Amino acid sequence: MRTNIDIDDELIDKALQISRLKTKKAVVELALQQYIERQARQNLLSLFGKVKWEGDLDQMRTDDTPSSWDR
């Protein structure tokens, strides 16, 4: 998708220099990918302590039959 955005030239220049990427597009795409990954991790961490575990971890560790993994 083509879009026009106004980004601070100094930020782009620093990002290009540090990352050693060759294009502004590559820098922006990398930044977006990393932002999405970081937000996904934070969203997952926000579930800590809120999800109730129901299962037998000892059985899962010893049962190596793929058909039993869905239980």
PDB file of N, CA and C in Angstrom:
ATOM      1  N   MET A   1       0.845  -1.165   0.000  1.00  0.00           N
ATOM      2  CA  MET A   1       0.000   0.000   0.000  1.00  0.00           C
ATOM      3  C   MET A   1       0.898   1.238   0.000  1.00  0.00           C
ATOM      4  N   ARG A   2       0.577   2.138  -0.850  1.00  0.00           N
ATOM      5  CA  ARG A   2       1.340   3.379  -0.922  1.00  0.00           C
ATOM      6  C   ARG A   2       0.677   4.410  -0.028  1.00  0.00           C
ATOM      7  N   THR A   3       1.522   5.105   0.756  1.00  0.00           N
ATOM      8  CA  THR A   3       1.014   6.159   1.630  1.00  0.00           C
ATOM      9  C   THR A   3       2.083   7.220   1.809  1.00  0.00           C
ATOM     10  N   ASN A   4       1.664   8.413   2.093  1.00  0.00           N
ATOM     11  CA  ASN A   4       2.601   9.507   2.356  1.00  0.00           C
ATOM     12  C   ASN A   4       2.481   9.911   3.814  1.00  0.00           C
ATOM     13  N   ILE A   5       3.617   9.907   4.518  1.00  0.00           N
ATOM     14  CA  ILE A   5       3.630  10.331   5.915  1.00  0.00           C
ATOM     15  C   ILE A   5       4.827  11.241   6.140  1.00  0.00           C
ATOM     16  N   ASP A   6       4.668  12.136   7.089  1.00  0.00           N
ATOM     17  CA  ASP A   6       5.732  13.078   7.419  1.00  0.00           C
ATOM     18  C   ASP A   6       6.487  12.538   8.631  1.00  0.00           C
ATOM     19  N   ILE A   7       7.730  12.094   8.425  1.00  0.00           N
ATOM     20  CA  ILE A   7       8.555  11.524   9.491  1.00  0.00           C
ATOM     21  C   ILE A   7       9.787  12.404   9.656  1.00  0.00           C
ATOM     22  N   ASP A   8      10.163  12.626  10.893  1.00  0.00           N
ATOM     23  CA  ASP A   8      11.344  13.422  11.220  1.00  0.00           C
ATOM     24  C   ASP A   8      12.564  12.861  10.474  1.00  0.00           C
ATOM     25  N   ASP A   9      13.197  13.694   9.661  1.00  0.00           N
ATOM     26  CA  ASP A   9      14.355  13.264   8.867  1.00  0.00           C
ATOM     27  C   ASP A   9      15.496  12.748   9.736  1.00  0.00           C
ATOM     28  N   GLU A  10      15.701  13.378  10.883  1.00  0.00           N
ATOM     29  CA  GLU A  10      16.783  12.936  11.772  1.00  0.00           C
ATOM     30  C   GLU A  10      16.526  11.527  12.295  1.00  0.00           C
ATOM     31  N   LEU A  11      15.262  11.235  12.613  1.00  0.00           N
ATOM     32  CA  LEU A  11      14.930   9.887  13.085  1.00  0.00           C
ATOM     33  C   LEU A  11      15.201   8.843  12.010  1.00  0.00           C
ATOM     34  N   ILE A  12      14.764   9.142  10.804  1.00  0.00           N
ATOM     35  CA  ILE A  12      14.988   8.208   9.697  1.00  0.00           C
ATOM     36  C   ILE A  12      16.478   8.035   9.445  1.00  0.00           C
ATOM     37  N   ASP A  13      17.215   9.129   9.426  1.00  0.00           N
ATOM     38  CA  ASP A  13      18.660   9.048   9.185  1.00  0.00           C
ATOM     39  C   ASP A  13      19.362   8.220  10.258  1.00  0.00           C
ATOM     40  N   LYS A  14      18.998   8.435  11.521  1.00  0.00           N
ATOM     41  CA  LYS A  14      19.601   7.653  12.609  1.00  0.00           C
ATOM     42  C   LYS A  14      19.249   6.179  12.474  1.00  0.00           C
ATOM     43  N   ALA A  15      17.994   5.903  12.157  1.00  0.00           N
ATOM     44  CA  ALA A  15      17.558   4.514  12.002  1.00  0.00           C
ATOM     45  C   ALA A  15      18.278   3.835  10.840  1.00  0.00           C
ATOM     46  N   LEU A  16      18.445   4.556   9.744  1.00  0.00           N
ATOM     47  CA  LEU A  16      19.183   4.004   8.604  1.00  0.00           C
ATOM     48  C   LEU A  16      20.628   3.708   8.988  1.00  0.00           C
ATOM     49  N   GLN A  17      21.232   4.616   9.712  1.00  0.00           N
ATOM     50  CA  GLN A  17      22.632   4.458  10.102  1.00  0.00           C
ATOM     51  C   GLN A  17      22.807   3.292  11.073  1.00  0.00           C
ATOM     52  N   ILE A  18      21.965   3.230  12.079  1.00  0.00           N
ATOM     53  CA  ILE A  18      22.090   2.185  13.095  1.00  0.00           C
ATOM     54  C   ILE A  18      21.743   0.808  12.542  1.00  0.00           C
ATOM     55  N   SER A  19      20.693   0.743  11.752  1.00  0.00           N
ATOM     56  CA  SER A  19      20.220  -0.553  11.254  1.00  0.00           C
ATOM     57  C   SER A  19      21.019  -1.054  10.056  1.00  0.00           C
ATOM     58  N   ARG A  20      21.677  -0.129   9.396  1.00  0.00           N
ATOM     59  CA  ARG A  20      22.401  -0.433   8.153  1.00  0.00           C
ATOM     60  C   ARG A  20      21.481  -0.925   7.038  1.00  0.00           C
ATOM     61  N   LEU A  21      20.200  -0.605   7.181  1.00  0.00           N
ATOM     62  CA  LEU A  21      19.269  -0.889   6.097  1.00  0.00           C
ATOM     63  C   LEU A  21      19.496   0.146   5.007  1.00  0.00           C
ATOM     64  N   LYS A  22      19.061  -0.169   3.803  1.00  0.00           N
ATOM     65  CA  LYS A  22      19.388   0.691   2.673  1.00  0.00           C
ATOM     66  C   LYS A  22      18.280   1.668   2.290  1.00  0.00           C
ATOM     67  N   THR A  23      17.047   1.381   2.708  1.00  0.00           N
ATOM     68  CA  THR A  23      15.945   2.249   2.285  1.00  0.00           C
ATOM     69  C   THR A  23      15.095   2.695   3.471  1.00  0.00           C
ATOM     70  N   LYS A  24      14.439   3.829   3.276  1.00  0.00           N
ATOM     71  CA  LYS A  24      13.520   4.330   4.294  1.00  0.00           C
ATOM     72  C   LYS A  24      12.364   3.352   4.475  1.00  0.00           C
ATOM     73  N   LYS A  25      11.928   2.780   3.369  1.00  0.00           N
ATOM     74  CA  LYS A  25      10.834   1.807   3.426  1.00  0.00           C
ATOM     75  C   LYS A  25      11.215   0.638   4.325  1.00  0.00           C
ATOM     76  N   ALA A  26      12.423   0.138   4.187  1.00  0.00           N
ATOM     77  CA  ALA A  26      12.877  -0.991   5.006  1.00  0.00           C
ATOM     78  C   ALA A  26      12.914  -0.616   6.483  1.00  0.00           C
ATOM     79  N   VAL A  27      13.354   0.602   6.776  1.00  0.00           N
ATOM     80  CA  VAL A  27      13.407   1.073   8.166  1.00  0.00           C
ATOM     81  C   VAL A  27      12.000   1.148   8.754  1.00  0.00           C
ATOM     82  N   VAL A  28      11.074   1.720   8.015  1.00  0.00           N
ATOM     83  CA  VAL A  28       9.702   1.856   8.506  1.00  0.00           C
ATOM     84  C   VAL A  28       9.064   0.482   8.685  1.00  0.00           C
ATOM     85  N   GLU A  29       9.268  -0.426   7.737  1.00  0.00           N
ATOM     86  CA  GLU A  29       8.699  -1.767   7.848  1.00  0.00           C
ATOM     87  C   GLU A  29       9.270  -2.508   9.054  1.00  0.00           C
ATOM     88  N   LEU A  30      10.574  -2.406   9.274  1.00  0.00           N
ATOM     89  CA  LEU A  30      11.196  -3.051  10.431  1.00  0.00           C
ATOM     90  C   LEU A  30      10.629  -2.477  11.730  1.00  0.00           C
ATOM     91  N   ALA A  31      10.504  -1.169  11.784  1.00  0.00           N
ATOM     92  CA  ALA A  31       9.965  -0.525  12.987  1.00  0.00           C
ATOM     93  C   ALA A  31       8.535  -0.985  13.257  1.00  0.00           C
ATOM     94  N   LEU A  32       7.730  -1.083  12.216  1.00  0.00           N
ATOM     95  CA  LEU A  32       6.351  -1.542  12.388  1.00  0.00           C
ATOM     96  C   LEU A  32       6.305  -2.995  12.841  1.00  0.00           C
ATOM     97  N   GLN A  33       7.141  -3.843  12.239  1.00  0.00           N
ATOM     98  CA  GLN A  33       7.185  -5.254  12.640  1.00  0.00           C
ATOM     99  C   GLN A  33       7.575  -5.384  14.109  1.00  0.00           C
ATOM    100  N   GLN A  34       8.590  -4.644  14.518  1.00  0.00           N
ATOM    101  CA  GLN A  34       9.042  -4.723  15.906  1.00  0.00           C
ATOM    102  C   GLN A  34       7.995  -4.167  16.865  1.00  0.00           C
ATOM    103  N   TYR A  35       7.311  -3.122  16.468  1.00  0.00           N
ATOM    104  CA  TYR A  35       6.250  -2.555  17.298  1.00  0.00           C
ATOM    105  C   TYR A  35       5.120  -3.569  17.489  1.00  0.00           C
ATOM    106  N   ILE A  36       4.713  -4.200  16.400  1.00  0.00           N
ATOM    107  CA  ILE A  36       3.635  -5.196  16.461  1.00  0.00           C
ATOM    108  C   ILE A  36       4.032  -6.360  17.361  1.00  0.00           C
ATOM    109  N   GLU A  37       5.260  -6.853  17.212  1.00  0.00           N
ATOM    110  CA  GLU A  37       5.737  -7.958  18.051  1.00  0.00           C
ATOM    111  C   GLU A  37       5.765  -7.557  19.525  1.00  0.00           C
ATOM    112  N   ARG A  38       6.245  -6.356  19.815  1.00  0.00           N
ATOM    113  CA  ARG A  38       6.322  -5.890  21.201  1.00  0.00           C
ATOM    114  C   ARG A  38       4.922  -5.756  21.805  1.00  0.00           C
ATOM    115  N   GLN A  39       3.988  -5.192  21.040  1.00  0.00           N
ATOM    116  CA  GLN A  39       2.624  -5.045  21.541  1.00  0.00           C
ATOM    117  C   GLN A  39       1.973  -6.409  21.763  1.00  0.00           C
ATOM    118  N   ALA A  40       2.217  -7.355  20.859  1.00  0.00           N
ATOM    119  CA  ALA A  40       1.653  -8.700  21.012  1.00  0.00           C
ATOM    120  C   ALA A  40       2.184  -9.353  22.283  1.00  0.00           C
ATOM    121  N   ARG A  41       3.478  -9.189  22.562  1.00  0.00           N
ATOM    122  CA  ARG A  41       4.054  -9.737  23.796  1.00  0.00           C
ATOM    123  C   ARG A  41       3.429  -9.072  25.021  1.00  0.00           C
ATOM    124  N   GLN A  42       3.260  -7.764  24.971  1.00  0.00           N
ATOM    125  CA  GLN A  42       2.656  -7.061  26.110  1.00  0.00           C
ATOM    126  C   GLN A  42       1.210  -7.498  26.323  1.00  0.00           C
ATOM    127  N   ASN A  43       0.485  -7.703  25.229  1.00  0.00           N
ATOM    128  CA  ASN A  43      -0.895  -8.178  25.345  1.00  0.00           C
ATOM    129  C   ASN A  43      -0.933  -9.565  25.979  1.00  0.00           C
ATOM    130  N   LEU A  44      -0.010 -10.417  25.582  1.00  0.00           N
ATOM    131  CA  LEU A  44       0.067 -11.757  26.151  1.00  0.00           C
ATOM    132  C   LEU A  44       0.427 -11.693  27.632  1.00  0.00           C
ATOM    133  N   LEU A  45       1.385 -10.846  27.973  1.00  0.00           N
ATOM    134  CA  LEU A  45       1.782 -10.703  29.376  1.00  0.00           C
ATOM    135  C   LEU A  45       0.644 -10.169  30.240  1.00  0.00           C
ATOM    136  N   SER A  46      -0.239  -9.388  29.654  1.00  0.00           N
ATOM    137  CA  SER A  46      -1.351  -8.837  30.429  1.00  0.00           C
ATOM    138  C   SER A  46      -2.333  -9.928  30.858  1.00  0.00           C
ATOM    139  N   LEU A  47      -2.250 -11.099  30.235  1.00  0.00           N
ATOM    140  CA  LEU A  47      -3.119 -12.214  30.608  1.00  0.00           C
ATOM    141  C   LEU A  47      -2.575 -13.004  31.790  1.00  0.00           C
ATOM    142  N   PHE A  48      -1.341 -12.711  32.210  1.00  0.00           N
ATOM    143  CA  PHE A  48      -0.709 -13.457  33.296  1.00  0.00           C
ATOM    144  C   PHE A  48      -1.588 -13.433  34.545  1.00  0.00           C
ATOM    145  N   GLY A  49      -1.899 -14.632  35.043  1.00  0.00           N
ATOM    146  CA  GLY A  49      -2.722 -14.753  36.237  1.00  0.00           C
ATOM    147  C   GLY A  49      -4.212 -14.681  35.982  1.00  0.00           C
ATOM    148  N   LYS A  50      -4.620 -14.472  34.737  1.00  0.00           N
ATOM    149  CA  LYS A  50      -6.042 -14.333  34.425  1.00  0.00           C
ATOM    150  C   LYS A  50      -6.626 -15.572  33.748  1.00  0.00           C
ATOM    151  N   VAL A  51      -5.761 -16.470  33.282  1.00  0.00           N
ATOM    152  CA  VAL A  51      -6.211 -17.668  32.582  1.00  0.00           C
ATOM    153  C   VAL A  51      -6.076 -18.853  33.529  1.00  0.00           C
ATOM    154  N   LYS A  52      -7.171 -19.579  33.711  1.00  0.00           N
ATOM    155  CA  LYS A  52      -7.142 -20.732  34.605  1.00  0.00           C
ATOM    156  C   LYS A  52      -6.678 -21.957  33.823  1.00  0.00           C
ATOM    157  N   TRP A  53      -5.668 -22.632  34.366  1.00  0.00           N
ATOM    158  CA  TRP A  53      -5.131 -23.838  33.731  1.00  0.00           C
ATOM    159  C   TRP A  53      -5.951 -25.033  34.166  1.00  0.00           C
ATOM    160  N   GLU A  54      -6.419 -25.812  33.191  1.00  0.00           N
ATOM    161  CA  GLU A  54      -7.121 -27.059  33.474  1.00  0.00           C
ATOM    162  C   GLU A  54      -6.443 -28.143  32.665  1.00  0.00           C
ATOM    163  N   GLY A  55      -5.701 -28.977  33.319  1.00  0.00           N
ATOM    164  CA  GLY A  55      -5.021 -30.058  32.632  1.00  0.00           C
ATOM    165  C   GLY A  55      -4.040 -30.736  33.560  1.00  0.00           C
ATOM    166  N   ASP A  56      -3.486 -31.829  33.081  1.00  0.00           N
ATOM    167  CA  ASP A  56      -2.514 -32.585  33.861  1.00  0.00           C
ATOM    168  C   ASP A  56      -1.157 -32.433  33.186  1.00  0.00           C
ATOM    169  N   LEU A  57      -0.360 -31.535  33.703  1.00  0.00           N
ATOM    170  CA  LEU A  57       0.933 -31.248  33.099  1.00  0.00           C
ATOM    171  C   LEU A  57       1.858 -32.456  33.147  1.00  0.00           C
ATOM    172  N   ASP A  58       1.820 -33.223  34.233  1.00  0.00           N
ATOM    173  CA  ASP A  58       2.662 -34.422  34.321  1.00  0.00           C
ATOM    174  C   ASP A  58       2.306 -35.423  33.230  1.00  0.00           C
ATOM    175  N   GLN A  59       1.021 -35.598  32.973  1.00  0.00           N
ATOM    176  CA  GLN A  59       0.593 -36.519  31.920  1.00  0.00           C
ATOM    177  C   GLN A  59       1.036 -36.000  30.554  1.00  0.00           C
ATOM    178  N   MET A  60       0.893 -34.708  30.339  1.00  0.00           N
ATOM    179  CA  MET A  60       1.289 -34.140  29.054  1.00  0.00           C
ATOM    180  C   MET A  60       2.781 -34.312  28.813  1.00  0.00           C
ATOM    181  N   ARG A  61       3.567 -34.236  29.864  1.00  0.00           N
ATOM    182  CA  ARG A  61       5.016 -34.375  29.720  1.00  0.00           C
ATOM    183  C   ARG A  61       5.424 -35.796  29.372  1.00  0.00           C
ATOM    184  N   THR A  62       4.645 -36.775  29.800  1.00  0.00           N
ATOM    185  CA  THR A  62       5.022 -38.172  29.560  1.00  0.00           C
ATOM    186  C   THR A  62       4.291 -38.785  28.383  1.00  0.00           C
ATOM    187  N   ASP A  63       3.197 -38.200  27.959  1.00  0.00           N
ATOM    188  CA  ASP A  63       2.409 -38.755  26.856  1.00  0.00           C
ATOM    189  C   ASP A  63       2.924 -38.196  25.537  1.00  0.00           C
ATOM    190  N   ASP A  64       3.493 -39.079  24.719  1.00  0.00           N
ATOM    191  CA  ASP A  64       4.073 -38.621  23.450  1.00  0.00           C
ATOM    192  C   ASP A  64       3.214 -38.995  22.252  1.00  0.00           C
ATOM    193  N   THR A  65       1.931 -39.277  22.468  1.00  0.00           N
ATOM    194  CA  THR A  65       1.029 -39.604  21.376  1.00  0.00           C
ATOM    195  C   THR A  65       0.347 -38.333  20.882  1.00  0.00           C
ATOM    196  N   PRO A  66       0.567 -37.949  19.638  1.00  0.00           N
ATOM    197  CA  PRO A  66      -0.020 -36.702  19.129  1.00  0.00           C
ATOM    198  C   PRO A  66      -1.534 -36.625  19.299  1.00  0.00           C
ATOM    199  N   SER A  67      -2.238 -37.763  19.164  1.00  0.00           N
ATOM    200  CA  SER A  67      -3.700 -37.720  19.272  1.00  0.00           C
ATOM    201  C   SER A  67      -4.159 -37.330  20.669  1.00  0.00           C
ATOM    202  N   SER A  68      -3.317 -37.514  21.662  1.00  0.00           N
ATOM    203  CA  SER A  68      -3.711 -37.178  23.034  1.00  0.00           C
ATOM    204  C   SER A  68      -3.423 -35.718  23.373  1.00  0.00           C
ATOM    205  N   TRP A  69      -2.742 -35.008  22.531  1.00  0.00           N
ATOM    206  CA  TRP A  69      -2.347 -33.635  22.829  1.00  0.00           C
ATOM    207  C   TRP A  69      -3.525 -32.674  22.841  1.00  0.00           C
ATOM    208  N   ASP A  70      -4.602 -33.031  22.168  1.00  0.00           N
ATOM    209  CA  ASP A  70      -5.755 -32.134  22.072  1.00  0.00           C
ATOM    210  C   ASP A  70      -6.669 -32.210  23.284  1.00  0.00           C
ATOM    211  N   ARG A  71      -6.436 -33.123  24.177  1.00  0.00           N
ATOM    212  CA  ARG A  71      -7.334 -33.292  25.326  1.00  0.00           C
ATOM    213  C   ARG A  71      -7.198 -32.186  26.314  1.00  0.00           C
TER     214      ARG A  71
END
